[in-house]
Amino acid sequence: MSDPSTWTYVLLALAGLFAGFVDAVVGGGGLVQLPALVIAFPGAAPVQILATNKLAGTCGTSISSLTYYRRVRPDPRTFVPLMAVAFVGSALGAVAASHIPKSAFDPIILVALVVVGAYVLFKPDLGGVTDLRFSGHRHTLAAVAAGFTIGFYDGALGPGTGSFFVFTLVGLLGYSFLEASAKARIANWATNVAALLVFAVQGAVMWRVGLVVGLCNLLGSYVGARTAVSRGSRFVRVFFVVVVSAFIVKIGSDVAREWL
């Protein structure tokens, strides 16, 4: 595979910057970054694209997780088991990634995003404040189940993972959007690291490209996390609806092209 041109690096860097910002606020930066990598490397194997995206995502979620942890101080009784099982789920998903066609995921993701977006849009009070729906072991079990399921999806494919984490923490567990974003970033960091380790062992990572995109993703993530913390849950909620709507249009057009 030939080295990308300077302009290709520039476009990938811009995609990484924007993806990092989106990912830090509500998740889903992979839906910006993955298409850019596919366009830049049309001859690359799908697992190479996924692996390189994971390297860049790991850079971004590292800084955004740290920023959220220092400024929001999320409860470790939730995010520690969440990130632990998400790590395991993501590793298993990464092992399965080369055997699962992307076309099998798109219709499911599209339906899930439509339900998620509509639910948030028509419940204006959702996620304004933390009002936990479970307590004790039930709370932990709900977090663990969500973490493993979303973690497996992230390892196998990935785009929209952060958004699914945010929605689950808000809609199922009852966190505010800001607290959910903090926990989602930490869990997403764990899923990125797990998948990256599996892909690295397989030799699938394009390291030079991934580090260039990753540095830009890191910068975008830092700005995004600080913006979300300073603007609060209302900003995160509005941004969530906008981003999910854009994802619905993007994935919906992909599904329509495959079916027509």
C-alpha atoms as a PDB file:
ATOM      1  CA  MET A   1       0.000   0.000   0.000  1.00  0.00           C
ATOM      2  CA  SER A   2       1.494   3.365  -1.058  1.00  0.00           C
ATOM      3  CA  ASP A   3       1.999   6.172   1.432  1.00  0.00           C
ATOM      4  CA  PRO A   4      -0.844   8.727   1.510  1.00  0.00           C
ATOM      5  CA  SER A   5      -0.262  12.195   0.080  1.00  0.00           C
ATOM      6  CA  THR A   6       0.128  15.325   2.188  1.00  0.00           C
ATOM      7  CA  TRP A   7      -3.438  16.386   1.346  1.00  0.00           C
ATOM      8  CA  THR A   8      -4.733  13.009   2.440  1.00  0.00           C
ATOM      9  CA  TYR A   9      -3.012  13.474   5.787  1.00  0.00           C
ATOM     10  CA  VAL A  10      -4.507  16.969   6.087  1.00  0.00           C
ATOM     11  CA  LEU A  11      -8.037  15.719   5.428  1.00  0.00           C
ATOM     12  CA  LEU A  12      -7.575  12.808   7.833  1.00  0.00           C
ATOM     13  CA  ALA A  13      -6.256  15.214  10.467  1.00  0.00           C
ATOM     14  CA  LEU A  14      -9.315  17.448  10.090  1.00  0.00           C
ATOM     15  CA  ALA A  15     -11.601  14.409  10.321  1.00  0.00           C
ATOM     16  CA  GLY A  16      -9.777  13.299  13.472  1.00  0.00           C
ATOM     17  CA  LEU A  17     -10.102  16.759  15.018  1.00  0.00           C
ATOM     18  CA  PHE A  18     -13.854  16.951  14.439  1.00  0.00           C
ATOM     19  CA  ALA A  19     -14.374  13.305  15.391  1.00  0.00           C
ATOM     20  CA  GLY A  20     -12.567  13.888  18.678  1.00  0.00           C
ATOM     21  CA  PHE A  21     -14.800  16.860  19.533  1.00  0.00           C
ATOM     22  CA  VAL A  22     -18.003  14.960  18.716  1.00  0.00           C
ATOM     23  CA  ASP A  23     -16.833  11.853  20.547  1.00  0.00           C
ATOM     24  CA  ALA A  24     -15.930  13.777  23.706  1.00  0.00           C
ATOM     25  CA  VAL A  25     -19.328  15.472  23.933  1.00  0.00           C
ATOM     26  CA  VAL A  26     -21.767  12.675  23.036  1.00  0.00           C
ATOM     27  CA  GLY A  27     -19.809   9.881  21.358  1.00  0.00           C
ATOM     28  CA  GLY A  28     -19.993   8.635  17.793  1.00  0.00           C
ATOM     29  CA  GLY A  29     -16.808  10.169  16.429  1.00  0.00           C
ATOM     30  CA  GLY A  30     -16.138   6.943  14.569  1.00  0.00           C
ATOM     31  CA  LEU A  31     -18.966   7.798  12.166  1.00  0.00           C
ATOM     32  CA  VAL A  32     -16.843  10.782  11.113  1.00  0.00           C
ATOM     33  CA  GLN A  33     -13.438   9.108  11.255  1.00  0.00           C
ATOM     34  CA  LEU A  34     -14.185   5.705   9.716  1.00  0.00           C
ATOM     35  CA  PRO A  35     -15.554   7.021   6.392  1.00  0.00           C
ATOM     36  CA  ALA A  36     -12.515   9.315   6.096  1.00  0.00           C
ATOM     37  CA  LEU A  37     -10.168   6.340   6.526  1.00  0.00           C
ATOM     38  CA  VAL A  38     -12.173   4.255   4.038  1.00  0.00           C
ATOM     39  CA  ILE A  39     -11.953   7.040   1.429  1.00  0.00           C
ATOM     40  CA  ALA A  40      -8.235   7.576   2.080  1.00  0.00           C
ATOM     41  CA  PHE A  41      -7.392   3.852   1.857  1.00  0.00           C
ATOM     42  CA  PRO A  42      -9.839   2.161  -0.545  1.00  0.00           C
ATOM     43  CA  GLY A  43      -7.538  -0.843  -0.888  1.00  0.00           C
ATOM     44  CA  ALA A  44      -7.140  -1.491   2.826  1.00  0.00           C
ATOM     45  CA  ALA A  45      -8.760  -4.495   4.484  1.00  0.00           C
ATOM     46  CA  PRO A  46     -11.751  -3.676   6.723  1.00  0.00           C
ATOM     47  CA  VAL A  47      -9.878  -4.899   9.791  1.00  0.00           C
ATOM     48  CA  GLN A  48      -7.035  -2.434   9.022  1.00  0.00           C
ATOM     49  CA  ILE A  49      -9.510   0.447   8.888  1.00  0.00           C
ATOM     50  CA  LEU A  50     -11.147  -0.643  12.145  1.00  0.00           C
ATOM     51  CA  ALA A  51      -7.766  -1.111  13.843  1.00  0.00           C
ATOM     52  CA  THR A  52      -6.421   2.282  12.762  1.00  0.00           C
ATOM     53  CA  ASN A  53      -9.651   3.960  13.837  1.00  0.00           C
ATOM     54  CA  LYS A  54      -9.287   2.303  17.247  1.00  0.00           C
ATOM     55  CA  LEU A  55      -5.752   3.685  17.634  1.00  0.00           C
ATOM     56  CA  ALA A  56      -6.958   7.212  16.888  1.00  0.00           C
ATOM     57  CA  GLY A  57      -9.990   6.777  19.143  1.00  0.00           C
ATOM     58  CA  THR A  58      -7.836   5.558  22.007  1.00  0.00           C
ATOM     59  CA  CYS A  59      -5.769   8.750  21.821  1.00  0.00           C
ATOM     60  CA  GLY A  60      -8.889  10.901  22.013  1.00  0.00           C
ATOM     61  CA  THR A  61     -10.735   9.007  24.726  1.00  0.00           C
ATOM     62  CA  SER A  62      -7.586   8.998  26.884  1.00  0.00           C
ATOM     63  CA  ILE A  63      -7.552  12.786  27.208  1.00  0.00           C
ATOM     64  CA  SER A  64     -11.339  13.243  27.328  1.00  0.00           C
ATOM     65  CA  SER A  65     -11.687  10.548  30.021  1.00  0.00           C
ATOM     66  CA  LEU A  66      -9.060  12.272  32.146  1.00  0.00           C
ATOM     67  CA  THR A  67     -10.693  15.682  31.636  1.00  0.00           C
ATOM     68  CA  TYR A  68     -14.141  14.405  32.603  1.00  0.00           C
ATOM     69  CA  TYR A  69     -12.776  12.507  35.600  1.00  0.00           C
ATOM     70  CA  ARG A  70     -10.985  15.550  36.972  1.00  0.00           C
ATOM     71  CA  ARG A  71     -13.903  17.932  36.448  1.00  0.00           C
ATOM     72  CA  VAL A  72     -17.031  15.783  36.960  1.00  0.00           C
ATOM     73  CA  ARG A  73     -15.729  13.154  39.417  1.00  0.00           C
ATOM     74  CA  PRO A  74     -18.059  10.319  38.288  1.00  0.00           C
ATOM     75  CA  ASP A  75     -18.939   7.636  40.839  1.00  0.00           C
ATOM     76  CA  PRO A  76     -16.421   4.746  40.526  1.00  0.00           C
ATOM     77  CA  ARG A  77     -19.034   2.279  41.811  1.00  0.00           C
ATOM     78  CA  THR A  78     -20.663   2.587  38.393  1.00  0.00           C
ATOM     79  CA  PHE A  79     -17.872   3.325  35.954  1.00  0.00           C
ATOM     80  CA  VAL A  80     -15.367   0.722  37.245  1.00  0.00           C
ATOM     81  CA  PRO A  81     -17.601  -2.350  36.629  1.00  0.00           C
ATOM     82  CA  LEU A  82     -18.943  -0.688  33.480  1.00  0.00           C
ATOM     83  CA  MET A  83     -15.482  -0.231  31.980  1.00  0.00           C
ATOM     84  CA  ALA A  84     -14.279  -3.671  33.141  1.00  0.00           C
ATOM     85  CA  VAL A  85     -17.013  -5.640  31.381  1.00  0.00           C
ATOM     86  CA  ALA A  86     -16.938  -3.258  28.403  1.00  0.00           C
ATOM     87  CA  PHE A  87     -13.224  -4.080  28.054  1.00  0.00           C
ATOM     88  CA  VAL A  88     -13.968  -7.814  27.940  1.00  0.00           C
ATOM     89  CA  GLY A  89     -16.884  -7.354  25.540  1.00  0.00           C
ATOM     90  CA  SER A  90     -14.808  -5.195  23.219  1.00  0.00           C
ATOM     91  CA  ALA A  91     -11.945  -7.702  23.126  1.00  0.00           C
ATOM     92  CA  LEU A  92     -14.385 -10.466  22.152  1.00  0.00           C
ATOM     93  CA  GLY A  93     -15.982  -8.204  19.567  1.00  0.00           C
ATOM     94  CA  ALA A  94     -12.585  -7.383  18.045  1.00  0.00           C
ATOM     95  CA  VAL A  95     -11.827 -11.107  17.712  1.00  0.00           C
ATOM     96  CA  ALA A  96     -15.127 -11.516  15.860  1.00  0.00           C
ATOM     97  CA  ALA A  97     -14.682  -8.358  13.749  1.00  0.00           C
ATOM     98  CA  SER A  98     -13.159 -10.057  10.721  1.00  0.00           C
ATOM     99  CA  HIS A  99     -16.045 -12.546  10.539  1.00  0.00           C
ATOM    100  CA  ILE A 100     -19.006 -10.146  10.778  1.00  0.00           C
ATOM    101  CA  PRO A 101     -20.045  -8.215   7.630  1.00  0.00           C
ATOM    102  CA  LYS A 102     -20.768  -4.526   8.121  1.00  0.00           C
ATOM    103  CA  SER A 103     -24.067  -4.954   6.237  1.00  0.00           C
ATOM    104  CA  ALA A 104     -25.350  -7.088   9.116  1.00  0.00           C
ATOM    105  CA  PHE A 105     -25.060  -4.172  11.523  1.00  0.00           C
ATOM    106  CA  ASP A 106     -26.324  -1.163   9.556  1.00  0.00           C
ATOM    107  CA  PRO A 107     -30.103  -1.856   9.645  1.00  0.00           C
ATOM    108  CA  ILE A 108     -29.952  -2.672  13.372  1.00  0.00           C
ATOM    109  CA  ILE A 109     -27.933   0.461  14.150  1.00  0.00           C
ATOM    110  CA  LEU A 110     -30.327   2.584  12.097  1.00  0.00           C
ATOM    111  CA  VAL A 111     -33.393   1.348  13.995  1.00  0.00           C
ATOM    112  CA  ALA A 112     -31.616   1.781  17.333  1.00  0.00           C
ATOM    113  CA  LEU A 113     -30.581   5.349  16.493  1.00  0.00           C
ATOM    114  CA  VAL A 114     -34.118   6.295  15.382  1.00  0.00           C
ATOM    115  CA  VAL A 115     -35.567   4.952  18.652  1.00  0.00           C
ATOM    116  CA  VAL A 116     -32.848   6.632  20.710  1.00  0.00           C
ATOM    117  CA  GLY A 117     -33.203   9.997  18.957  1.00  0.00           C
ATOM    118  CA  ALA A 118     -37.002  10.016  19.141  1.00  0.00           C
ATOM    119  CA  TYR A 119     -36.993   9.034  22.820  1.00  0.00           C
ATOM    120  CA  VAL A 120     -34.611  11.843  23.767  1.00  0.00           C
ATOM    121  CA  LEU A 121     -36.326  14.399  21.520  1.00  0.00           C
ATOM    122  CA  PHE A 122     -39.819  13.777  22.910  1.00  0.00           C
ATOM    123  CA  LYS A 123     -38.745  13.688  26.557  1.00  0.00           C
ATOM    124  CA  PRO A 124     -37.365  17.205  27.093  1.00  0.00           C
ATOM    125  CA  ASP A 125     -36.763  16.620  30.813  1.00  0.00           C
ATOM    126  CA  LEU A 126     -34.678  13.489  30.204  1.00  0.00           C
ATOM    127  CA  GLY A 127     -31.109  13.759  31.455  1.00  0.00           C
ATOM    128  CA  GLY A 128     -31.463  17.203  32.985  1.00  0.00           C
ATOM    129  CA  VAL A 129     -30.543  15.938  36.439  1.00  0.00           C
ATOM    130  CA  THR A 130     -29.412  12.606  37.860  1.00  0.00           C
ATOM    131  CA  ASP A 131     -32.366  10.540  39.104  1.00  0.00           C
ATOM    132  CA  LEU A 132     -31.191   6.935  39.397  1.00  0.00           C
ATOM    133  CA  ARG A 133     -33.778   4.274  38.554  1.00  0.00           C
ATOM    134  CA  PHE A 134     -32.020   1.389  40.320  1.00  0.00           C
ATOM    135  CA  SER A 135     -29.984   1.007  43.477  1.00  0.00           C
ATOM    136  CA  GLY A 136     -27.404  -1.403  44.839  1.00  0.00           C
ATOM    137  CA  HIS A 137     -26.805  -4.621  42.918  1.00  0.00           C
ATOM    138  CA  ARG A 138     -29.596  -3.916  40.416  1.00  0.00           C
ATOM    139  CA  HIS A 139     -27.846  -0.716  39.385  1.00  0.00           C
ATOM    140  CA  THR A 140     -24.514  -2.521  38.981  1.00  0.00           C
ATOM    141  CA  LEU A 141     -26.083  -5.398  37.037  1.00  0.00           C
ATOM    142  CA  ALA A 142     -27.785  -2.984  34.620  1.00  0.00           C
ATOM    143  CA  ALA A 143     -24.496  -1.146  34.078  1.00  0.00           C
ATOM    144  CA  VAL A 144     -22.600  -4.420  33.562  1.00  0.00           C
ATOM    145  CA  ALA A 145     -25.127  -5.755  31.034  1.00  0.00           C
ATOM    146  CA  ALA A 146     -25.034  -2.517  29.071  1.00  0.00           C
ATOM    147  CA  GLY A 147     -21.241  -2.366  29.234  1.00  0.00           C
ATOM    148  CA  PHE A 148     -20.714  -5.870  27.860  1.00  0.00           C
ATOM    149  CA  THR A 149     -23.265  -5.497  25.045  1.00  0.00           C
ATOM    150  CA  ILE A 150     -22.064  -2.101  23.860  1.00  0.00           C
ATOM    151  CA  GLY A 151     -18.435  -3.140  24.379  1.00  0.00           C
ATOM    152  CA  PHE A 152     -18.865  -6.150  22.072  1.00  0.00           C
ATOM    153  CA  TYR A 153     -20.430  -3.918  19.434  1.00  0.00           C
ATOM    154  CA  ASP A 154     -17.541  -1.450  19.735  1.00  0.00           C
ATOM    155  CA  GLY A 155     -14.914  -4.133  19.233  1.00  0.00           C
ATOM    156  CA  ALA A 156     -16.756  -5.634  16.267  1.00  0.00           C
ATOM    157  CA  LEU A 157     -17.589  -2.389  14.464  1.00  0.00           C
ATOM    158  CA  GLY A 158     -17.611   0.706  16.677  1.00  0.00           C
ATOM    159  CA  PRO A 159     -19.324   3.786  15.173  1.00  0.00           C
ATOM    160  CA  GLY A 160     -21.840   5.353  17.545  1.00  0.00           C
ATOM    161  CA  THR A 161     -20.578   3.470  20.598  1.00  0.00           C
ATOM    162  CA  GLY A 162     -20.249   6.572  22.763  1.00  0.00           C
ATOM    163  CA  SER A 163     -23.770   7.691  21.864  1.00  0.00           C
ATOM    164  CA  PHE A 164     -25.179   4.298  22.840  1.00  0.00           C
ATOM    165  CA  PHE A 165     -23.285   4.470  26.147  1.00  0.00           C
ATOM    166  CA  VAL A 166     -24.628   7.977  26.828  1.00  0.00           C
ATOM    167  CA  PHE A 167     -28.211   7.048  26.002  1.00  0.00           C
ATOM    168  CA  THR A 168     -28.097   3.867  28.099  1.00  0.00           C
ATOM    169  CA  LEU A 169     -26.697   5.694  31.107  1.00  0.00           C
ATOM    170  CA  VAL A 170     -29.343   8.427  30.762  1.00  0.00           C
ATOM    171  CA  GLY A 171     -32.376   6.430  29.618  1.00  0.00           C
ATOM    172  CA  LEU A 172     -31.842   3.172  31.514  1.00  0.00           C
ATOM    173  CA  LEU A 173     -29.885   4.164  34.624  1.00  0.00           C
ATOM    174  CA  GLY A 174     -31.123   7.731  35.094  1.00  0.00           C
ATOM    175  CA  TYR A 175     -27.938   9.828  34.960  1.00  0.00           C
ATOM    176  CA  SER A 176     -27.830  13.409  33.744  1.00  0.00           C
ATOM    177  CA  PHE A 177     -26.364  13.903  30.279  1.00  0.00           C
ATOM    178  CA  LEU A 178     -23.174  15.411  31.694  1.00  0.00           C
ATOM    179  CA  GLU A 179     -22.558  12.573  34.168  1.00  0.00           C
ATOM    180  CA  ALA A 180     -23.455  10.035  31.478  1.00  0.00           C
ATOM    181  CA  SER A 181     -20.931  11.581  29.090  1.00  0.00           C
ATOM    182  CA  ALA A 182     -18.220  11.352  31.746  1.00  0.00           C
ATOM    183  CA  LYS A 183     -18.878   7.649  32.412  1.00  0.00           C
ATOM    184  CA  ALA A 184     -19.349   6.934  28.708  1.00  0.00           C
ATOM    185  CA  ARG A 185     -15.926   8.373  27.871  1.00  0.00           C
ATOM    186  CA  ILE A 186     -14.216   6.236  30.510  1.00  0.00           C
ATOM    187  CA  ALA A 187     -16.010   3.081  29.329  1.00  0.00           C
ATOM    188  CA  ASN A 188     -15.289   3.952  25.705  1.00  0.00           C
ATOM    189  CA  TRP A 189     -11.595   4.353  26.548  1.00  0.00           C
ATOM    190  CA  ALA A 190     -11.619   0.791  27.916  1.00  0.00           C
ATOM    191  CA  THR A 191     -13.337  -0.611  24.812  1.00  0.00           C
ATOM    192  CA  ASN A 192     -10.894   1.207  22.520  1.00  0.00           C
ATOM    193  CA  VAL A 193      -7.861  -0.114  24.403  1.00  0.00           C
ATOM    194  CA  ALA A 194      -9.192  -3.694  24.423  1.00  0.00           C
ATOM    195  CA  ALA A 195      -9.918  -3.729  20.695  1.00  0.00           C
ATOM    196  CA  LEU A 196      -6.619  -2.006  19.894  1.00  0.00           C
ATOM    197  CA  LEU A 197      -4.664  -4.692  21.777  1.00  0.00           C
ATOM    198  CA  VAL A 198      -6.390  -7.442  19.789  1.00  0.00           C
ATOM    199  CA  PHE A 199      -5.863  -5.652  16.466  1.00  0.00           C
ATOM    200  CA  ALA A 200      -2.215  -4.893  17.299  1.00  0.00           C
ATOM    201  CA  VAL A 201      -1.512  -8.584  17.951  1.00  0.00           C
ATOM    202  CA  GLN A 202      -3.064  -9.320  14.539  1.00  0.00           C
ATOM    203  CA  GLY A 203      -0.738  -6.747  12.920  1.00  0.00           C
ATOM    204  CA  ALA A 204      -3.695  -4.823  11.497  1.00  0.00           C
ATOM    205  CA  VAL A 205      -2.888  -1.291  12.724  1.00  0.00           C
ATOM    206  CA  MET A 206      -1.556   1.354  10.296  1.00  0.00           C
ATOM    207  CA  TRP A 207       0.504   3.030  13.002  1.00  0.00           C
ATOM    208  CA  ARG A 208       1.755   6.165  11.250  1.00  0.00           C
ATOM    209  CA  VAL A 209      -1.676   7.138   9.966  1.00  0.00           C
ATOM    210  CA  GLY A 210      -3.355   6.207  13.225  1.00  0.00           C
ATOM    211  CA  LEU A 211      -0.995   8.342  15.302  1.00  0.00           C
ATOM    212  CA  VAL A 212      -1.438  11.392  13.029  1.00  0.00           C
ATOM    213  CA  VAL A 213      -5.232  11.102  13.184  1.00  0.00           C
ATOM    214  CA  GLY A 214      -4.998  10.226  16.875  1.00  0.00           C
ATOM    215  CA  LEU A 215      -3.099  13.380  17.819  1.00  0.00           C
ATOM    216  CA  CYS A 216      -5.780  15.485  16.125  1.00  0.00           C
ATOM    217  CA  ASN A 217      -8.494  13.379  17.749  1.00  0.00           C
ATOM    218  CA  LEU A 218      -6.816  14.014  21.104  1.00  0.00           C
ATOM    219  CA  LEU A 219      -6.915  17.777  20.571  1.00  0.00           C
ATOM    220  CA  GLY A 220     -10.555  17.691  19.479  1.00  0.00           C
ATOM    221  CA  SER A 221     -11.448  15.497  22.458  1.00  0.00           C
ATOM    222  CA  TYR A 222      -9.809  17.880  24.910  1.00  0.00           C
ATOM    223  CA  VAL A 223     -11.739  20.855  23.525  1.00  0.00           C
ATOM    224  CA  GLY A 224     -14.970  18.850  23.374  1.00  0.00           C
ATOM    225  CA  ALA A 225     -14.724  17.591  26.950  1.00  0.00           C
ATOM    226  CA  ARG A 226     -13.997  21.056  28.342  1.00  0.00           C
ATOM    227  CA  THR A 227     -16.869  22.514  26.290  1.00  0.00           C
ATOM    228  CA  ALA A 228     -19.319  19.879  27.562  1.00  0.00           C
ATOM    229  CA  VAL A 229     -18.281  20.388  31.195  1.00  0.00           C
ATOM    230  CA  SER A 230     -18.545  24.186  30.983  1.00  0.00           C
ATOM    231  CA  ARG A 231     -21.881  24.178  29.084  1.00  0.00           C
ATOM    232  CA  GLY A 232     -23.561  21.446  31.150  1.00  0.00           C
ATOM    233  CA  SER A 233     -26.247  18.824  30.507  1.00  0.00           C
ATOM    234  CA  ARG A 234     -28.502  21.032  28.372  1.00  0.00           C
ATOM    235  CA  PHE A 235     -25.740  21.588  25.805  1.00  0.00           C
ATOM    236  CA  VAL A 236     -24.874  17.879  25.759  1.00  0.00           C
ATOM    237  CA  ARG A 237     -28.536  16.956  25.242  1.00  0.00           C
ATOM    238  CA  VAL A 238     -28.976  19.325  22.271  1.00  0.00           C
ATOM    239  CA  PHE A 239     -25.685  18.205  20.747  1.00  0.00           C
ATOM    240  CA  PHE A 240     -26.728  14.574  21.253  1.00  0.00           C
ATOM    241  CA  VAL A 241     -29.968  15.059  19.282  1.00  0.00           C
ATOM    242  CA  VAL A 242     -28.124  16.866  16.452  1.00  0.00           C
ATOM    243  CA  VAL A 243     -25.401  14.224  16.188  1.00  0.00           C
ATOM    244  CA  VAL A 244     -27.810  11.263  16.349  1.00  0.00           C
ATOM    245  CA  SER A 245     -29.950  12.894  13.631  1.00  0.00           C
ATOM    246  CA  ALA A 246     -26.877  13.236  11.419  1.00  0.00           C
ATOM    247  CA  PHE A 247     -25.972   9.593  12.055  1.00  0.00           C
ATOM    248  CA  ILE A 248     -29.506   8.508  11.095  1.00  0.00           C
ATOM    249  CA  VAL A 249     -29.206  10.350   7.770  1.00  0.00           C
ATOM    250  CA  LYS A 250     -25.731   8.906   7.105  1.00  0.00           C
ATOM    251  CA  ILE A 251     -26.511   5.276   7.966  1.00  0.00           C
ATOM    252  CA  GLY A 252     -29.988   5.505   6.409  1.00  0.00           C
ATOM    253  CA  SER A 253     -28.468   6.554   3.080  1.00  0.00           C
ATOM    254  CA  ASP A 254     -25.960   3.669   3.290  1.00  0.00           C
ATOM    255  CA  VAL A 255     -28.735   1.144   3.938  1.00  0.00           C
ATOM    256  CA  ALA A 256     -30.857   2.593   1.123  1.00  0.00           C
ATOM    257  CA  ARG A 257     -27.964   2.274  -1.340  1.00  0.00           C
ATOM    258  CA  GLU A 258     -27.419  -1.368  -0.361  1.00  0.00           C
ATOM    259  CA  TRP A 259     -31.092  -2.240  -0.772  1.00  0.00           C
ATOM    260  CA  LEU A 260     -31.700  -0.390  -4.053  1.00  0.00           C
END
